[in-house]
């Protein structure tokens, strides 16, 4: 018997041990790096950090939301987890970045545009959750009169067009339930660049980009409705896909300053609807209906809608109880995921400290 095989009394020979060791390491690698791995309650903190640091280099796309102060709360003294919009932003981040069935499989960034009056504790938490946080100045025009006080900072969404490091960005309001992975929207046929129409421009509205992307969903109201909903002329400002552009940003800022050019009641929603009116130089496109719905019901969920827009935490709203439970389950999963990860990181730091 060759020496490298050992003897029958020595148990597993060295070659067999090497093969088994390779198989074990390969299995660990598959579980750690496969996008189809099961949800692990104790994620490896070093793997998470590495993946997060690479994300901005791996994808030309980004998911984006806006976090502004909750007008109902004293944001400096109320605990962070009592701010529904902050919690909603965390749940959205979890669904898009970490949840097994809905997270990006293309390393797409999740960017939070935060106004300067958001407490540092919230910004730090969102960064720890994996979000890319960008603090932006508020945009507000004195002549504009928002219909609801919570809409007062919504023009700050326009900073999404300054994210020119990305080719396309999808804006989602924070109160979204994600039912299925959203990545496909960035390459959907409804979100391709279009040429602008200079012949339809209004002279005093200034220059605009030569090409653009703007895909959204027709705005509608009512719990009972057709699905997919019929196309209309007015879209929702809570979900739209666009192409970042400094020229577009400057165009919108100029429009926003033009008193009376559009109804200011709906703030950025009305301004963007004017900028992308169907008979204007940059008409909007109806986004593929499978990607979102508002005033949702189980009908849309069962038909395959990938995101549903609603204030799930508002108990005064008569929502489908099954859908509401899904959002709260996503919140519970988010808290469990980060509690486990934070605990693992603390143990790792304690171990490193003890070794030094």
Protein backbone atom coordinates (compact mmCIF):
# COMPACT_ATOMS: atom_id res chain seq x y z
CA UNK A 1 0.00 0.00 0.00
CA UNK A 2 1.52 3.40 -0.95
CA UNK A 3 2.64 5.51 2.00
CA UNK A 4 0.25 8.41 1.16
CA UNK A 5 -2.75 6.11 1.65
CA UNK A 6 -1.92 5.44 5.29
CA UNK A 7 -2.89 2.17 6.98
CA UNK A 8 -6.33 0.63 7.58
CA UNK A 9 -6.02 1.44 11.32
CA UNK A 10 -5.47 5.16 10.78
CA UNK A 11 -9.16 6.01 10.02
CA UNK A 12 -9.76 8.32 7.03
CA UNK A 13 -6.61 8.56 4.95
CA UNK A 14 -5.14 11.95 4.09
CA UNK A 15 -6.42 12.01 0.51
CA UNK A 16 -9.96 11.25 1.66
CA UNK A 17 -9.65 13.92 4.37
CA UNK A 18 -8.56 16.45 1.76
CA UNK A 19 -11.52 15.60 -0.49
CA UNK A 20 -13.97 15.90 2.40
CA UNK A 21 -12.44 19.20 3.51
CA UNK A 22 -12.75 20.58 -0.04
CA UNK A 23 -16.41 19.47 -0.21
CA UNK A 24 -17.20 21.12 3.13
CA UNK A 25 -15.55 24.39 2.11
CA UNK A 26 -17.35 24.33 -1.25
CA UNK A 27 -20.68 23.81 0.51
CA UNK A 28 -20.03 26.74 2.83
CA UNK A 29 -19.11 28.90 -0.16
CA UNK A 30 -22.35 28.04 -1.96
CA UNK A 31 -24.47 28.82 1.10
CA UNK A 32 -22.65 32.08 1.68
CA UNK A 33 -22.56 33.51 -1.82
CA UNK A 34 -25.46 31.96 -3.74
CA UNK A 35 -28.37 34.38 -4.37
CA UNK A 36 -30.69 31.41 -3.78
CA UNK A 37 -29.39 30.59 -0.29
CA UNK A 38 -31.95 30.27 2.50
CA UNK A 39 -32.54 33.13 4.91
CA UNK A 40 -29.98 32.90 7.70
CA UNK A 41 -30.92 34.56 10.97
CA UNK A 42 -27.27 35.09 11.88
CA UNK A 43 -25.71 36.65 8.77
CA UNK A 44 -21.94 36.80 8.54
CA UNK A 45 -21.05 40.43 9.21
CA UNK A 46 -17.87 40.40 7.13
CA UNK A 47 -19.70 38.99 4.11
CA UNK A 48 -22.42 41.65 4.52
CA UNK A 49 -19.88 44.47 4.71
CA UNK A 50 -18.03 43.25 1.65
CA UNK A 51 -21.19 42.92 -0.43
CA UNK A 52 -22.40 46.39 0.61
CA UNK A 53 -19.08 48.04 -0.24
CA UNK A 54 -19.13 46.55 -3.75
CA UNK A 55 -22.78 47.26 -4.55
CA UNK A 56 -22.33 50.74 -6.09
CA UNK A 57 -19.74 49.33 -8.53
CA UNK A 58 -21.85 46.39 -9.65
CA UNK A 59 -25.03 48.03 -10.90
CA UNK A 60 -25.89 51.14 -12.92
CA UNK A 61 -29.30 51.28 -11.22
CA UNK A 62 -30.64 52.38 -7.83
CA UNK A 63 -33.79 52.26 -5.77
CA UNK A 64 -34.48 55.65 -4.15
CA UNK A 65 -36.76 57.06 -1.46
CA UNK A 66 -37.08 60.33 0.46
CA UNK A 67 -37.04 60.62 4.25
CA UNK A 68 -38.32 63.94 5.61
CA UNK A 69 -39.49 64.80 9.16
CA UNK A 70 -42.83 63.38 10.23
CA UNK A 71 -45.00 66.49 10.76
CA UNK A 72 -47.07 64.71 13.41
CA UNK A 73 -44.11 64.10 15.70
CA UNK A 74 -41.46 65.95 17.67
CA UNK A 75 -38.67 64.32 15.71
CA UNK A 76 -35.99 65.33 18.23
CA UNK A 77 -37.61 63.78 21.29
CA UNK A 78 -39.81 60.93 20.05
CA UNK A 79 -38.07 57.51 19.88
CA UNK A 80 -36.96 56.64 16.37
CA UNK A 81 -39.09 53.50 16.20
CA UNK A 82 -42.25 55.56 16.77
CA UNK A 83 -41.74 57.44 13.51
CA UNK A 84 -43.81 55.47 11.00
CA UNK A 85 -42.05 56.90 7.96
CA UNK A 86 -38.60 56.10 9.35
CA UNK A 87 -39.72 52.56 10.18
CA UNK A 88 -41.30 52.31 6.74
CA UNK A 89 -37.97 53.31 5.19
CA UNK A 90 -36.20 50.59 7.18
CA UNK A 91 -38.76 47.99 6.11
CA UNK A 92 -38.38 49.08 2.48
CA UNK A 93 -34.58 48.78 2.78
CA UNK A 94 -34.93 45.29 4.25
CA UNK A 95 -37.30 44.17 1.49
CA UNK A 96 -35.08 45.50 -1.30
CA UNK A 97 -31.69 44.50 0.14
CA UNK A 98 -32.10 41.51 2.45
CA UNK A 99 -35.45 39.67 2.37
CA UNK A 100 -34.94 36.28 0.64
CA UNK A 101 -37.84 36.51 -1.82
CA UNK A 102 -37.67 40.22 -2.72
CA UNK A 103 -34.07 41.41 -2.33
CA UNK A 104 -32.07 42.56 -5.33
CA UNK A 105 -30.09 39.84 -7.04
CA UNK A 106 -28.14 42.42 -9.04
CA UNK A 107 -26.50 44.38 -6.18
CA UNK A 108 -28.70 47.41 -6.85
CA UNK A 109 -28.18 50.22 -4.32
CA UNK A 110 -30.96 51.55 -2.10
CA UNK A 111 -30.49 55.32 -1.74
CA UNK A 112 -32.23 57.37 0.96
CA UNK A 113 -32.43 61.10 0.28
CA UNK A 114 -32.68 62.58 3.78
CA UNK A 115 -33.42 66.21 4.62
CA UNK A 116 -30.98 67.96 7.02
CA UNK A 117 -33.38 67.84 9.98
CA UNK A 118 -33.42 64.03 10.17
CA UNK A 119 -31.67 63.01 13.43
CA UNK A 120 -28.22 61.48 13.13
CA UNK A 121 -29.41 58.35 14.94
CA UNK A 122 -31.81 57.60 12.08
CA UNK A 123 -29.18 58.24 9.42
CA UNK A 124 -26.70 55.97 11.20
CA UNK A 125 -29.29 53.21 11.55
CA UNK A 126 -30.18 53.34 7.86
CA UNK A 127 -26.51 53.15 6.88
CA UNK A 128 -26.10 50.17 9.17
CA UNK A 129 -29.13 48.60 7.48
CA UNK A 130 -27.27 48.77 4.17
CA UNK A 131 -28.80 51.94 2.69
CA UNK A 132 -26.77 54.60 0.91
CA UNK A 133 -27.79 57.79 2.73
CA UNK A 134 -27.44 61.19 1.09
CA UNK A 135 -28.38 64.30 3.07
CA UNK A 136 -29.93 66.87 0.72
CA UNK A 137 -31.10 70.42 1.20
CA UNK A 138 -34.82 71.06 1.19
CA UNK A 139 -36.42 72.41 -1.96
CA UNK A 140 -39.38 74.66 -1.36
CA UNK A 141 -41.03 77.47 -3.29
CA UNK A 142 -42.88 80.09 -1.23
CA UNK A 143 -45.74 80.36 -3.70
CA UNK A 144 -46.58 76.66 -3.46
CA UNK A 145 -49.32 75.59 -1.05
CA UNK A 146 -49.28 71.83 -0.28
CA UNK A 147 -52.65 70.20 0.16
CA UNK A 148 -51.39 68.24 3.19
CA UNK A 149 -48.68 69.31 5.62
CA UNK A 150 -46.80 66.04 5.13
CA UNK A 151 -46.25 67.01 1.49
CA UNK A 152 -44.33 70.18 2.35
CA UNK A 153 -40.87 68.69 1.68
CA UNK A 154 -41.76 66.56 -1.33
CA UNK A 155 -39.99 68.75 -3.89
CA UNK A 156 -36.77 67.41 -2.35
CA UNK A 157 -37.43 64.24 -4.37
CA UNK A 158 -35.93 66.15 -7.29
CA UNK A 159 -32.46 65.41 -5.97
CA UNK A 160 -32.93 61.96 -7.43
CA UNK A 161 -32.06 63.51 -10.80
CA UNK A 162 -28.67 64.55 -9.42
CA UNK A 163 -27.70 60.90 -8.84
CA UNK A 164 -25.88 60.88 -12.17
CA UNK A 165 -23.63 58.01 -11.08
CA UNK A 166 -26.63 55.82 -11.99
CA UNK A 167 -28.18 55.28 -15.42
CA UNK A 168 -31.71 54.73 -14.08
CA UNK A 169 -33.32 55.25 -10.69
CA UNK A 170 -36.64 54.00 -9.35
CA UNK A 171 -38.33 56.23 -6.79
CA UNK A 172 -40.59 54.50 -4.26
CA UNK A 173 -42.43 56.10 -1.38
CA UNK A 174 -41.43 54.49 1.93
CA UNK A 175 -44.87 52.95 2.54
CA UNK A 176 -44.42 50.12 0.05
CA UNK A 177 -45.01 46.41 0.50
CA UNK A 178 -42.69 44.55 -1.87
CA UNK A 179 -44.21 41.22 -2.92
CA UNK A 180 -41.70 40.11 -5.55
CA UNK A 181 -38.23 41.06 -6.73
CA UNK A 182 -38.25 44.40 -8.57
CA UNK A 183 -34.95 44.34 -10.49
CA UNK A 184 -36.55 43.66 -13.88
CA UNK A 185 -38.15 47.09 -14.03
CA UNK A 186 -34.83 48.71 -14.95
CA UNK A 187 -34.61 46.80 -18.23
CA UNK A 188 -38.32 46.64 -18.98
CA UNK A 189 -39.37 47.90 -22.42
CA UNK A 190 -41.43 50.67 -20.78
CA UNK A 191 -38.32 52.26 -19.25
CA UNK A 192 -36.09 52.81 -22.27
CA UNK A 193 -34.70 56.32 -23.06
CA UNK A 194 -36.83 58.51 -25.35
CA UNK A 195 -36.02 61.59 -27.43
CA UNK A 196 -37.53 64.86 -26.27
CA UNK A 197 -39.76 66.92 -28.58
CA UNK A 198 -38.39 70.49 -28.81
CA UNK A 199 -41.25 71.57 -31.09
CA UNK A 200 -43.64 71.19 -28.15
CA UNK A 201 -41.55 73.21 -25.69
CA UNK A 202 -42.80 76.41 -24.04
CA UNK A 203 -40.34 79.24 -24.65
CA UNK A 204 -40.03 80.56 -21.08
CA UNK A 205 -39.56 77.15 -19.46
CA UNK A 206 -35.87 76.92 -20.28
CA UNK A 207 -33.76 74.12 -21.77
CA UNK A 208 -34.37 70.44 -21.09
CA UNK A 209 -32.38 67.27 -21.84
CA UNK A 210 -32.24 65.83 -25.37
CA UNK A 211 -33.35 62.42 -24.08
CA UNK A 212 -35.08 61.20 -20.94
CA UNK A 213 -36.72 58.30 -19.14
CA UNK A 214 -39.94 58.77 -17.22
CA UNK A 215 -42.25 55.81 -16.56
CA UNK A 216 -45.02 55.92 -13.96
CA UNK A 217 -48.45 54.54 -13.12
CA UNK A 218 -51.77 56.23 -13.75
CA UNK A 219 -53.11 57.78 -10.55
CA UNK A 220 -56.44 56.41 -9.36
CA UNK A 221 -58.45 56.03 -6.17
CA UNK A 222 -60.85 53.44 -4.83
CA UNK A 223 -60.61 49.98 -3.29
CA UNK A 224 -62.69 48.41 -6.03
CA UNK A 225 -61.10 48.83 -9.46
CA UNK A 226 -59.96 47.01 -12.54
CA UNK A 227 -56.53 45.43 -12.70
CA UNK A 228 -54.58 46.36 -14.64
CA UNK A 229 -56.05 49.81 -14.33
CA UNK A 230 -56.88 51.75 -17.52
CA UNK A 231 -54.24 54.22 -18.69
CA UNK A 232 -54.89 57.88 -17.95
CA UNK A 233 -53.28 61.31 -18.28
CA UNK A 234 -52.19 61.82 -14.65
CA UNK A 235 -49.65 59.67 -12.78
CA UNK A 236 -48.81 59.02 -9.13
CA UNK A 237 -45.76 60.72 -7.61
CA UNK A 238 -45.11 57.80 -5.28
CA UNK A 239 -43.59 55.43 -7.84
CA UNK A 240 -41.72 56.39 -10.99
CA UNK A 241 -38.58 55.43 -12.88
CA UNK A 242 -36.34 58.11 -14.37
CA UNK A 243 -32.93 58.81 -15.84
CA UNK A 244 -30.77 61.09 -13.64
CA UNK A 245 -29.69 64.24 -15.45
CA UNK A 246 -28.43 67.63 -14.28
CA UNK A 247 -30.25 69.22 -17.24
CA UNK A 248 -33.52 67.63 -16.11
CA UNK A 249 -32.92 68.69 -12.49
CA UNK A 250 -32.37 72.30 -13.56
CA UNK A 251 -35.46 72.15 -15.79
CA UNK A 252 -37.65 70.97 -12.91
CA UNK A 253 -36.22 73.59 -10.55
CA UNK A 254 -37.06 76.31 -13.03
CA UNK A 255 -40.59 74.97 -13.50
CA UNK A 256 -41.09 74.82 -9.73
CA UNK A 257 -40.25 78.52 -9.46
CA UNK A 258 -42.85 79.56 -12.04
CA UNK A 259 -45.81 80.67 -9.95
CA UNK A 260 -49.14 79.42 -11.24
CA UNK A 261 -47.67 77.25 -14.00
CA UNK A 262 -49.26 74.21 -12.33
CA UNK A 263 -51.49 73.46 -9.36
CA UNK A 264 -49.23 73.49 -6.28
CA UNK A 265 -51.70 71.52 -4.14
CA UNK A 266 -49.97 68.27 -5.06
CA UNK A 267 -46.44 69.75 -4.93
CA UNK A 268 -43.93 67.59 -6.87
CA UNK A 269 -46.66 65.28 -8.20
CA UNK A 270 -48.39 68.13 -10.02
CA UNK A 271 -45.11 69.70 -11.12
CA UNK A 272 -43.83 66.43 -12.61
CA UNK A 273 -47.18 65.79 -14.27
CA UNK A 274 -46.91 69.18 -15.92
CA UNK A 275 -43.29 68.57 -16.97
CA UNK A 276 -44.21 65.17 -18.44
CA UNK A 277 -47.69 65.96 -19.79
CA UNK A 278 -48.76 63.83 -22.71
CA UNK A 279 -48.84 66.81 -25.11
CA UNK A 280 -45.55 68.26 -23.90
CA UNK A 281 -41.89 67.86 -24.88
CA UNK A 282 -41.25 64.91 -22.52
CA UNK A 283 -44.46 62.82 -22.33
CA UNK A 284 -44.52 60.15 -19.65
CA UNK A 285 -44.91 56.44 -20.31
CA UNK A 286 -47.18 54.00 -18.48
CA UNK A 287 -44.88 51.64 -16.57
CA UNK A 288 -45.50 47.91 -16.90
CA UNK A 289 -48.51 47.34 -14.64
CA UNK A 290 -47.01 44.28 -12.92
CA UNK A 291 -44.56 46.41 -10.95
CA UNK A 292 -46.89 48.42 -8.73
CA UNK A 293 -50.40 49.26 -7.63
CA UNK A 294 -52.10 51.67 -5.24
CA UNK A 295 -55.27 51.23 -3.19
CA UNK A 296 -54.25 47.54 -3.26
CA UNK A 297 -56.30 44.44 -2.62
CA UNK A 298 -55.59 40.71 -2.63
CA UNK A 299 -56.77 40.75 -6.24
CA UNK A 300 -53.62 42.59 -7.32
CA UNK A 301 -51.40 40.50 -5.06
CA UNK A 302 -52.77 37.24 -6.44
CA UNK A 303 -52.45 38.60 -9.99
CA UNK A 304 -48.72 39.11 -9.43
CA UNK A 305 -48.30 42.79 -8.52
CA UNK A 306 -44.74 43.25 -7.31
CA UNK A 307 -45.27 46.26 -5.05
CA UNK A 308 -48.27 47.72 -3.27
CA UNK A 309 -48.47 51.31 -2.06
CA UNK A 310 -50.38 51.99 1.14
CA UNK A 311 -49.90 53.36 4.66
CA UNK A 312 -50.00 49.95 6.28
CA UNK A 313 -49.50 51.29 9.80
CA UNK A 314 -52.53 53.61 9.64
CA UNK A 315 -55.20 51.75 11.59
CA UNK A 316 -57.90 54.18 10.46
CA UNK A 317 -57.66 52.81 6.92
CA UNK A 318 -59.78 49.80 5.98
CA UNK A 319 -57.06 47.69 4.37
CA UNK A 320 -57.09 44.07 3.37
CA UNK A 321 -56.09 42.34 6.64
CA UNK A 322 -53.93 39.77 4.85
CA UNK A 323 -51.91 42.45 3.09
CA UNK A 324 -51.55 44.46 6.29
CA UNK A 325 -50.25 41.36 8.07
CA UNK A 326 -47.70 40.86 5.27
CA UNK A 327 -46.26 44.33 5.89
CA UNK A 328 -46.11 43.78 9.63
CA UNK A 329 -44.46 40.42 9.03
CA UNK A 330 -41.85 42.19 6.89
CA UNK A 331 -41.33 44.63 9.76
CA UNK A 332 -40.87 41.77 12.24
CA UNK A 333 -38.46 40.02 9.88
CA UNK A 334 -36.50 43.24 9.45
CA UNK A 335 -36.12 43.72 13.20
CA UNK A 336 -35.12 40.08 13.75
CA UNK A 337 -32.59 40.21 10.90
CA UNK A 338 -30.84 43.32 12.17
CA UNK A 339 -31.00 42.30 15.82
CA UNK A 340 -29.21 39.08 14.91
CA UNK A 341 -26.66 40.84 12.70
CA UNK A 342 -25.98 43.57 15.27
CA UNK A 343 -25.46 40.91 17.93
CA UNK A 344 -23.05 39.01 15.70
CA UNK A 345 -21.06 42.19 15.05
CA UNK A 346 -20.87 42.98 18.76
CA UNK A 347 -19.56 39.50 19.51
CA UNK A 348 -16.99 39.84 16.74
CA UNK A 349 -15.79 43.18 18.13
CA UNK A 350 -15.59 41.77 21.66
CA UNK A 351 -13.55 38.86 20.33
CA UNK A 352 -11.18 41.21 18.50
CA UNK A 353 -10.82 43.36 21.61
CA UNK A 354 -10.02 40.35 23.81
CA UNK A 355 -7.32 39.23 21.38
CA UNK A 356 -5.63 42.62 21.50
